[in-house]
N, C-alpha and C. Protein backbone atom coordinates (compact mmCIF):
# COMPACT_ATOMS: atom_id res chain seq x y z
N MET A 1 25.19 -28.28 -51.70
CA MET A 1 25.16 -26.84 -51.61
C MET A 1 23.92 -26.36 -50.88
N GLY A 2 22.77 -27.03 -51.07
CA GLY A 2 21.54 -26.64 -50.40
C GLY A 2 21.64 -26.79 -48.89
N ALA A 3 22.34 -27.86 -48.45
CA ALA A 3 22.50 -28.09 -47.01
C ALA A 3 23.36 -26.98 -46.39
N PHE A 4 24.38 -26.51 -47.11
CA PHE A 4 25.24 -25.45 -46.62
C PHE A 4 24.45 -24.17 -46.34
N TYR A 5 23.57 -23.77 -47.29
CA TYR A 5 22.78 -22.56 -47.12
C TYR A 5 21.78 -22.71 -45.98
N THR A 6 21.22 -23.90 -45.80
CA THR A 6 20.28 -24.14 -44.71
C THR A 6 21.00 -23.99 -43.36
N ARG A 7 22.20 -24.59 -43.25
CA ARG A 7 22.97 -24.47 -42.01
C ARG A 7 23.38 -23.02 -41.76
N ALA A 8 23.76 -22.34 -42.81
CA ALA A 8 24.17 -20.94 -42.68
C ALA A 8 23.01 -20.07 -42.19
N ARG A 9 21.81 -20.34 -42.70
CA ARG A 9 20.63 -19.58 -42.22
C ARG A 9 20.35 -19.86 -40.75
N VAL A 10 20.44 -21.12 -40.35
CA VAL A 10 20.20 -21.49 -38.95
C VAL A 10 21.22 -20.80 -38.05
N VAL A 11 22.49 -20.83 -38.44
CA VAL A 11 23.54 -20.18 -37.65
C VAL A 11 23.28 -18.67 -37.58
N PHE A 12 22.92 -18.07 -38.69
CA PHE A 12 22.62 -16.64 -38.74
C PHE A 12 21.48 -16.30 -37.78
N LEU A 13 20.41 -17.07 -37.82
CA LEU A 13 19.26 -16.82 -36.94
C LEU A 13 19.64 -16.97 -35.47
N LEU A 14 20.45 -17.96 -35.15
CA LEU A 14 20.89 -18.14 -33.77
C LEU A 14 21.72 -16.95 -33.29
N VAL A 15 22.61 -16.47 -34.15
CA VAL A 15 23.43 -15.30 -33.80
C VAL A 15 22.55 -14.08 -33.57
N VAL A 16 21.56 -13.87 -34.45
CA VAL A 16 20.65 -12.73 -34.29
C VAL A 16 19.89 -12.85 -32.97
N LEU A 17 19.38 -14.04 -32.66
CA LEU A 17 18.64 -14.22 -31.40
C LEU A 17 19.53 -13.99 -30.18
N LEU A 18 20.73 -14.50 -30.23
CA LEU A 18 21.65 -14.32 -29.11
C LEU A 18 22.01 -12.85 -28.90
N LEU A 19 22.14 -12.11 -29.98
CA LEU A 19 22.46 -10.69 -29.86
C LEU A 19 21.24 -9.87 -29.44
N ALA A 20 20.06 -10.27 -29.84
CA ALA A 20 18.85 -9.50 -29.53
C ALA A 20 18.35 -9.73 -28.11
N ALA A 21 18.61 -10.90 -27.55
CA ALA A 21 18.08 -11.22 -26.22
C ALA A 21 18.52 -10.24 -25.14
N PRO A 22 19.81 -9.90 -25.02
CA PRO A 22 20.20 -8.95 -23.97
C PRO A 22 19.56 -7.58 -24.14
N VAL A 23 19.39 -7.14 -25.38
CA VAL A 23 18.76 -5.84 -25.64
C VAL A 23 17.31 -5.87 -25.18
N ALA A 24 16.59 -6.93 -25.50
CA ALA A 24 15.18 -7.05 -25.09
C ALA A 24 15.07 -7.11 -23.57
N MET A 25 15.98 -7.83 -22.91
CA MET A 25 15.94 -7.92 -21.45
C MET A 25 16.22 -6.56 -20.82
N ALA A 26 17.19 -5.84 -21.35
CA ALA A 26 17.52 -4.52 -20.80
C ALA A 26 16.35 -3.56 -20.94
N GLN A 27 15.65 -3.62 -22.07
CA GLN A 27 14.50 -2.74 -22.27
C GLN A 27 13.39 -3.08 -21.29
N SER A 28 13.15 -4.36 -21.04
CA SER A 28 12.06 -4.73 -20.13
C SER A 28 12.40 -4.37 -18.70
N GLN A 29 13.69 -4.42 -18.34
CA GLN A 29 14.10 -4.11 -16.97
C GLN A 29 14.15 -2.61 -16.71
N SER A 30 14.27 -1.81 -17.76
CA SER A 30 14.39 -0.37 -17.55
C SER A 30 13.04 0.33 -17.49
N ALA A 31 11.94 -0.41 -17.70
CA ALA A 31 10.61 0.21 -17.64
C ALA A 31 10.37 0.68 -16.21
N PRO A 32 9.86 1.90 -16.05
CA PRO A 32 9.64 2.42 -14.69
C PRO A 32 8.56 1.62 -13.97
N ALA A 33 8.80 1.37 -12.70
CA ALA A 33 7.83 0.65 -11.87
C ALA A 33 6.72 1.60 -11.45
N THR A 34 5.56 1.04 -11.22
CA THR A 34 4.43 1.83 -10.72
C THR A 34 4.76 2.26 -9.29
N PRO A 35 4.64 3.54 -8.96
CA PRO A 35 4.96 3.96 -7.60
C PRO A 35 3.98 3.35 -6.58
N LEU A 36 4.49 3.07 -5.41
CA LEU A 36 3.65 2.52 -4.35
C LEU A 36 2.68 3.58 -3.85
N ARG A 37 1.54 3.14 -3.40
CA ARG A 37 0.50 4.02 -2.88
C ARG A 37 0.98 4.74 -1.62
N LEU A 38 0.64 6.00 -1.50
CA LEU A 38 0.95 6.79 -0.32
C LEU A 38 -0.18 6.57 0.68
N VAL A 39 0.08 5.76 1.68
CA VAL A 39 -0.93 5.38 2.67
C VAL A 39 -1.29 6.58 3.54
N LEU A 40 -2.55 6.66 3.91
CA LEU A 40 -3.08 7.76 4.73
C LEU A 40 -2.87 9.12 4.07
N ARG A 41 -2.78 9.10 2.74
CA ARG A 41 -2.56 10.34 1.97
C ARG A 41 -1.35 11.12 2.48
N GLY A 42 -0.39 10.39 3.03
CA GLY A 42 0.84 11.02 3.50
C GLY A 42 0.82 11.47 4.95
N TYR A 43 -0.26 11.21 5.67
CA TYR A 43 -0.29 11.57 7.09
C TYR A 43 0.55 10.58 7.89
N ASP A 44 1.08 11.03 8.99
CA ASP A 44 1.97 10.28 9.86
C ASP A 44 1.15 9.32 10.75
N PRO A 45 1.28 7.99 10.56
CA PRO A 45 0.49 7.06 11.38
C PRO A 45 0.89 7.07 12.86
N VAL A 46 2.12 7.39 13.15
CA VAL A 46 2.59 7.41 14.55
C VAL A 46 1.97 8.58 15.31
N ALA A 47 1.76 9.70 14.64
CA ALA A 47 1.25 10.91 15.30
C ALA A 47 -0.13 10.69 15.93
N TYR A 48 -0.95 9.85 15.36
CA TYR A 48 -2.27 9.59 15.97
C TYR A 48 -2.09 9.05 17.39
N PHE A 49 -1.06 8.24 17.58
CA PHE A 49 -0.82 7.61 18.88
C PHE A 49 -0.04 8.51 19.82
N THR A 50 0.95 9.22 19.30
CA THR A 50 1.82 10.02 20.18
C THR A 50 1.32 11.44 20.39
N ASP A 51 0.72 12.04 19.36
CA ASP A 51 0.27 13.43 19.44
C ASP A 51 -1.24 13.56 19.58
N GLY A 52 -1.94 12.44 19.35
CA GLY A 52 -3.40 12.45 19.48
C GLY A 52 -4.12 13.24 18.38
N LYS A 53 -3.46 13.39 17.22
CA LYS A 53 -4.11 14.13 16.13
C LYS A 53 -3.48 13.74 14.80
N PRO A 54 -4.23 13.93 13.71
CA PRO A 54 -3.64 13.68 12.39
C PRO A 54 -2.62 14.76 12.06
N THR A 55 -1.47 14.31 11.56
CA THR A 55 -0.37 15.22 11.26
C THR A 55 0.23 14.85 9.90
N PRO A 56 0.29 15.79 8.97
CA PRO A 56 0.90 15.46 7.68
C PRO A 56 2.36 15.05 7.86
N GLY A 57 2.76 14.03 7.10
CA GLY A 57 4.15 13.60 7.09
C GLY A 57 4.95 14.41 6.09
N LYS A 58 6.25 14.24 6.11
CA LYS A 58 7.15 14.96 5.21
C LYS A 58 7.86 13.96 4.30
N PRO A 59 8.04 14.33 3.03
CA PRO A 59 8.70 13.41 2.09
C PRO A 59 10.09 12.95 2.53
N GLU A 60 10.79 13.78 3.27
CA GLU A 60 12.14 13.38 3.70
C GLU A 60 12.13 12.30 4.79
N PHE A 61 10.95 12.07 5.39
CA PHE A 61 10.81 11.02 6.40
C PHE A 61 9.81 9.99 5.87
N GLU A 62 10.23 9.24 4.88
CA GLU A 62 9.35 8.29 4.21
C GLU A 62 9.97 6.90 4.21
N THR A 63 9.13 5.88 4.32
CA THR A 63 9.59 4.50 4.20
C THR A 63 8.55 3.68 3.48
N GLU A 64 8.98 2.55 2.97
CA GLU A 64 8.07 1.61 2.33
C GLU A 64 7.84 0.45 3.27
N PHE A 65 6.59 0.01 3.33
CA PHE A 65 6.27 -1.14 4.16
C PHE A 65 5.03 -1.82 3.60
N ASP A 66 5.09 -3.11 3.45
CA ASP A 66 3.94 -3.94 3.06
C ASP A 66 3.21 -3.39 1.83
N GLY A 67 3.96 -2.97 0.82
CA GLY A 67 3.36 -2.53 -0.42
C GLY A 67 2.86 -1.10 -0.44
N GLY A 68 3.22 -0.31 0.56
CA GLY A 68 2.79 1.09 0.61
C GLY A 68 3.92 1.99 1.06
N ARG A 69 3.73 3.29 0.81
CA ARG A 69 4.68 4.30 1.28
C ARG A 69 4.05 5.02 2.47
N TYR A 70 4.83 5.23 3.50
CA TYR A 70 4.37 5.92 4.71
C TYR A 70 5.27 7.12 4.95
N ARG A 71 4.66 8.22 5.32
CA ARG A 71 5.41 9.43 5.66
C ARG A 71 5.23 9.76 7.13
N PHE A 72 6.22 10.49 7.66
CA PHE A 72 6.24 10.81 9.09
C PHE A 72 6.61 12.27 9.28
N ALA A 73 6.15 12.83 10.37
CA ALA A 73 6.41 14.23 10.67
C ALA A 73 7.83 14.47 11.16
N SER A 74 8.48 13.40 11.62
CA SER A 74 9.84 13.55 12.16
C SER A 74 10.61 12.25 12.00
N ALA A 75 11.93 12.37 12.13
CA ALA A 75 12.79 11.19 12.08
C ALA A 75 12.47 10.26 13.26
N ARG A 76 12.11 10.84 14.38
CA ARG A 76 11.77 10.04 15.56
C ARG A 76 10.55 9.16 15.29
N HIS A 77 9.52 9.73 14.66
CA HIS A 77 8.33 8.94 14.34
C HIS A 77 8.65 7.84 13.33
N LEU A 78 9.50 8.16 12.37
CA LEU A 78 9.92 7.17 11.38
C LEU A 78 10.60 5.99 12.08
N GLU A 79 11.50 6.28 13.00
CA GLU A 79 12.20 5.22 13.74
C GLU A 79 11.25 4.41 14.62
N GLN A 80 10.27 5.08 15.24
CA GLN A 80 9.28 4.37 16.05
C GLN A 80 8.50 3.39 15.17
N PHE A 81 8.12 3.83 13.99
CA PHE A 81 7.38 2.98 13.06
C PHE A 81 8.23 1.78 12.65
N LYS A 82 9.47 2.04 12.27
CA LYS A 82 10.36 0.96 11.83
C LYS A 82 10.58 -0.07 12.93
N ALA A 83 10.60 0.39 14.19
CA ALA A 83 10.82 -0.51 15.32
C ALA A 83 9.61 -1.41 15.59
N ASP A 84 8.41 -0.95 15.25
CA ASP A 84 7.20 -1.73 15.54
C ASP A 84 6.06 -1.32 14.60
N PRO A 85 6.19 -1.62 13.30
CA PRO A 85 5.19 -1.13 12.34
C PRO A 85 3.77 -1.61 12.63
N ASP A 86 3.62 -2.84 13.08
CA ASP A 86 2.27 -3.36 13.33
C ASP A 86 1.51 -2.55 14.37
N ARG A 87 2.22 -1.93 15.27
CA ARG A 87 1.58 -1.11 16.31
C ARG A 87 0.91 0.13 15.71
N TYR A 88 1.49 0.67 14.62
CA TYR A 88 1.03 1.95 14.09
C TYR A 88 0.25 1.86 12.78
N LEU A 89 0.24 0.71 12.16
CA LEU A 89 -0.45 0.58 10.87
C LEU A 89 -1.93 0.89 10.99
N PRO A 90 -2.47 1.65 10.03
CA PRO A 90 -3.92 1.84 10.03
C PRO A 90 -4.60 0.52 9.64
N GLN A 91 -5.71 0.25 10.26
CA GLN A 91 -6.46 -0.95 9.93
C GLN A 91 -6.95 -0.88 8.49
N PHE A 92 -7.02 -2.02 7.86
CA PHE A 92 -7.53 -2.15 6.49
C PHE A 92 -6.73 -1.32 5.49
N GLY A 93 -5.43 -1.18 5.77
CA GLY A 93 -4.54 -0.49 4.83
C GLY A 93 -4.86 0.96 4.60
N GLY A 94 -5.58 1.59 5.53
CA GLY A 94 -5.96 2.99 5.35
C GLY A 94 -7.27 3.16 4.61
N SER A 95 -7.97 2.05 4.39
CA SER A 95 -9.30 2.11 3.77
C SER A 95 -10.31 2.56 4.82
N CYS A 96 -11.42 3.11 4.36
CA CYS A 96 -12.48 3.50 5.27
C CYS A 96 -13.05 2.26 5.94
N ALA A 97 -13.00 2.22 7.26
CA ALA A 97 -13.50 1.06 8.00
C ALA A 97 -15.00 0.86 7.78
N GLY A 98 -15.75 1.95 7.73
CA GLY A 98 -17.19 1.84 7.51
C GLY A 98 -17.53 1.26 6.15
N MET A 99 -16.84 1.74 5.12
CA MET A 99 -17.10 1.22 3.78
C MET A 99 -16.59 -0.21 3.64
N MET A 100 -15.49 -0.52 4.30
CA MET A 100 -14.97 -1.88 4.27
C MET A 100 -16.00 -2.85 4.87
N SER A 101 -16.72 -2.39 5.90
CA SER A 101 -17.75 -3.24 6.50
C SER A 101 -18.90 -3.49 5.52
N ARG A 102 -18.99 -2.64 4.48
CA ARG A 102 -20.01 -2.80 3.44
C ARG A 102 -19.44 -3.45 2.18
N ASN A 103 -18.21 -4.00 2.32
CA ASN A 103 -17.55 -4.71 1.23
C ASN A 103 -17.11 -3.78 0.09
N VAL A 104 -16.73 -2.56 0.45
CA VAL A 104 -16.24 -1.59 -0.53
C VAL A 104 -14.90 -1.06 -0.04
N LYS A 105 -13.90 -1.10 -0.91
CA LYS A 105 -12.56 -0.63 -0.56
C LYS A 105 -12.37 0.77 -1.15
N VAL A 106 -12.38 1.76 -0.26
CA VAL A 106 -12.23 3.15 -0.68
C VAL A 106 -11.26 3.85 0.27
N GLU A 107 -10.46 4.75 -0.28
CA GLU A 107 -9.47 5.50 0.50
C GLU A 107 -10.20 6.37 1.54
N ALA A 108 -9.73 6.32 2.77
CA ALA A 108 -10.33 7.10 3.85
C ALA A 108 -9.74 8.51 3.88
N ASP A 109 -10.42 9.40 4.58
CA ASP A 109 -9.91 10.74 4.85
C ASP A 109 -9.18 10.66 6.19
N PRO A 110 -7.86 10.85 6.22
CA PRO A 110 -7.11 10.68 7.46
C PRO A 110 -7.48 11.67 8.57
N GLU A 111 -8.28 12.67 8.24
CA GLU A 111 -8.74 13.61 9.27
C GLU A 111 -9.90 13.02 10.08
N ASN A 112 -10.49 11.92 9.63
CA ASN A 112 -11.61 11.27 10.31
C ASN A 112 -11.11 9.92 10.83
N TRP A 113 -10.91 9.85 12.13
CA TRP A 113 -10.21 8.69 12.68
C TRP A 113 -10.66 8.38 14.10
N LEU A 114 -10.35 7.18 14.52
CA LEU A 114 -10.56 6.73 15.90
C LEU A 114 -9.42 5.80 16.30
N LEU A 115 -9.02 5.87 17.55
CA LEU A 115 -8.14 4.87 18.14
C LEU A 115 -9.01 4.04 19.07
N VAL A 116 -9.08 2.76 18.80
CA VAL A 116 -9.88 1.86 19.63
C VAL A 116 -9.03 0.63 19.93
N ASP A 117 -8.87 0.34 21.21
CA ASP A 117 -8.07 -0.80 21.65
C ASP A 117 -6.67 -0.79 21.03
N GLY A 118 -6.08 0.39 20.93
CA GLY A 118 -4.73 0.52 20.42
C GLY A 118 -4.60 0.33 18.92
N LYS A 119 -5.70 0.45 18.20
CA LYS A 119 -5.69 0.31 16.74
C LYS A 119 -6.25 1.57 16.09
N LEU A 120 -5.66 1.94 14.96
CA LEU A 120 -6.07 3.13 14.23
C LEU A 120 -7.07 2.76 13.14
N TYR A 121 -8.24 3.38 13.19
CA TYR A 121 -9.28 3.22 12.17
C TYR A 121 -9.51 4.59 11.53
N VAL A 122 -9.54 4.62 10.21
CA VAL A 122 -9.83 5.86 9.50
C VAL A 122 -11.11 5.68 8.69
N PHE A 123 -11.77 6.82 8.44
CA PHE A 123 -13.09 6.79 7.82
C PHE A 123 -13.16 7.80 6.67
N LEU A 124 -14.18 7.64 5.87
CA LEU A 124 -14.41 8.51 4.72
C LEU A 124 -14.91 9.89 5.14
N GLY A 125 -15.74 9.91 6.16
CA GLY A 125 -16.32 11.16 6.63
C GLY A 125 -16.28 11.24 8.14
N PRO A 126 -16.95 12.24 8.70
CA PRO A 126 -16.94 12.42 10.16
C PRO A 126 -17.37 11.15 10.89
N VAL A 127 -16.69 10.89 11.98
CA VAL A 127 -16.91 9.68 12.76
C VAL A 127 -18.01 9.90 13.79
N ASN A 128 -18.91 8.95 13.87
CA ASN A 128 -19.96 8.99 14.89
C ASN A 128 -19.36 8.43 16.18
N LYS A 129 -18.84 9.30 17.01
CA LYS A 129 -18.18 8.86 18.24
C LYS A 129 -19.17 8.41 19.31
N GLN A 130 -20.45 8.62 19.06
CA GLN A 130 -21.47 8.19 19.99
C GLN A 130 -21.91 6.75 19.72
N ARG A 131 -21.39 6.16 18.67
CA ARG A 131 -21.74 4.79 18.30
C ARG A 131 -21.46 3.88 19.50
N SER A 132 -22.34 2.92 19.72
CA SER A 132 -22.13 2.01 20.85
C SER A 132 -20.96 1.08 20.55
N ARG A 133 -20.39 0.58 21.61
CA ARG A 133 -19.24 -0.34 21.46
C ARG A 133 -19.67 -1.59 20.68
N GLU A 134 -20.87 -2.06 20.93
CA GLU A 134 -21.37 -3.24 20.24
C GLU A 134 -21.49 -2.99 18.73
N GLU A 135 -22.01 -1.81 18.36
CA GLU A 135 -22.11 -1.46 16.94
C GLU A 135 -20.72 -1.38 16.30
N PHE A 136 -19.79 -0.77 17.02
CA PHE A 136 -18.44 -0.63 16.48
C PHE A 136 -17.79 -2.00 16.32
N ASP A 137 -17.95 -2.87 17.29
CA ASP A 137 -17.37 -4.22 17.20
C ASP A 137 -17.95 -4.98 16.02
N GLN A 138 -19.24 -4.81 15.75
CA GLN A 138 -19.86 -5.47 14.59
C GLN A 138 -19.31 -4.90 13.29
N LEU A 139 -19.15 -3.59 13.24
CA LEU A 139 -18.59 -2.95 12.05
C LEU A 139 -17.19 -3.50 11.78
N VAL A 140 -16.36 -3.57 12.80
CA VAL A 140 -14.98 -4.04 12.64
C VAL A 140 -14.96 -5.51 12.23
N ALA A 141 -15.81 -6.33 12.83
CA ALA A 141 -15.85 -7.76 12.47
C ALA A 141 -16.23 -7.93 11.00
N SER A 142 -17.20 -7.19 10.56
CA SER A 142 -17.62 -7.26 9.16
C SER A 142 -16.51 -6.74 8.24
N ALA A 143 -15.88 -5.64 8.62
CA ALA A 143 -14.79 -5.08 7.83
C ALA A 143 -13.62 -6.07 7.74
N ARG A 144 -13.28 -6.72 8.83
CA ARG A 144 -12.17 -7.69 8.82
C ARG A 144 -12.47 -8.85 7.88
N SER A 145 -13.70 -9.31 7.92
CA SER A 145 -14.11 -10.40 7.04
C SER A 145 -13.98 -9.98 5.57
N ASN A 146 -14.44 -8.79 5.25
CA ASN A 146 -14.38 -8.29 3.87
C ASN A 146 -12.94 -7.99 3.44
N TRP A 147 -12.11 -7.56 4.39
CA TRP A 147 -10.72 -7.21 4.09
C TRP A 147 -9.96 -8.40 3.51
N ARG A 148 -10.27 -9.59 3.97
CA ARG A 148 -9.59 -10.79 3.46
C ARG A 148 -9.74 -10.90 1.94
N ASN A 149 -10.91 -10.53 1.43
CA ASN A 149 -11.18 -10.63 -0.01
C ASN A 149 -10.77 -9.37 -0.78
N LEU A 150 -10.73 -8.23 -0.12
CA LEU A 150 -10.48 -6.97 -0.82
C LEU A 150 -9.05 -6.44 -0.68
N LYS A 151 -8.28 -7.04 0.21
CA LYS A 151 -6.94 -6.51 0.51
C LYS A 151 -6.11 -6.25 -0.74
N ASP A 152 -6.08 -7.17 -1.67
CA ASP A 152 -5.21 -7.04 -2.84
C ASP A 152 -5.93 -6.40 -4.04
N LYS A 153 -7.14 -5.97 -3.86
CA LYS A 153 -7.89 -5.33 -4.96
C LYS A 153 -7.62 -3.83 -4.95
N PRO A 154 -7.77 -3.18 -6.10
CA PRO A 154 -7.54 -1.72 -6.14
C PRO A 154 -8.64 -0.95 -5.42
N PHE A 155 -8.31 0.28 -5.05
CA PHE A 155 -9.29 1.16 -4.42
C PHE A 155 -10.31 1.61 -5.46
N GLN A 156 -11.52 1.86 -5.01
CA GLN A 156 -12.55 2.36 -5.92
C GLN A 156 -12.53 3.87 -5.93
């Protein structure tokens, strides 16, 4: 009789576990995901190249790419980005290039920017456009080196 009750308890526990597992999985899958970061604070990365100025994007023209959300001022800009995203991506994921050169990952102000050699660099504050090319190249080299270590870290 003791063996019967032991087997019955084991069977009961197995049934409970089998019934509880799908419920636990459904609850874990229904948890809302953390929204992706809005790169360039929602400014259109294509507009820097085509319009020569920072332009706010619109929510209806949004796409996800490489772990971020990008907005565009028009459907045309969205399609241009989708056709060649690497051409329009801000360097360092939209982090301030100057701060990145100092090993600090901080969100840049998209109103402070430079296009150099076909690449978009954004900064925290006003850009010193009188900076020598040699100084800028050193800044970018240092920022690229630091970006390897900071790319997957959160913004400060």
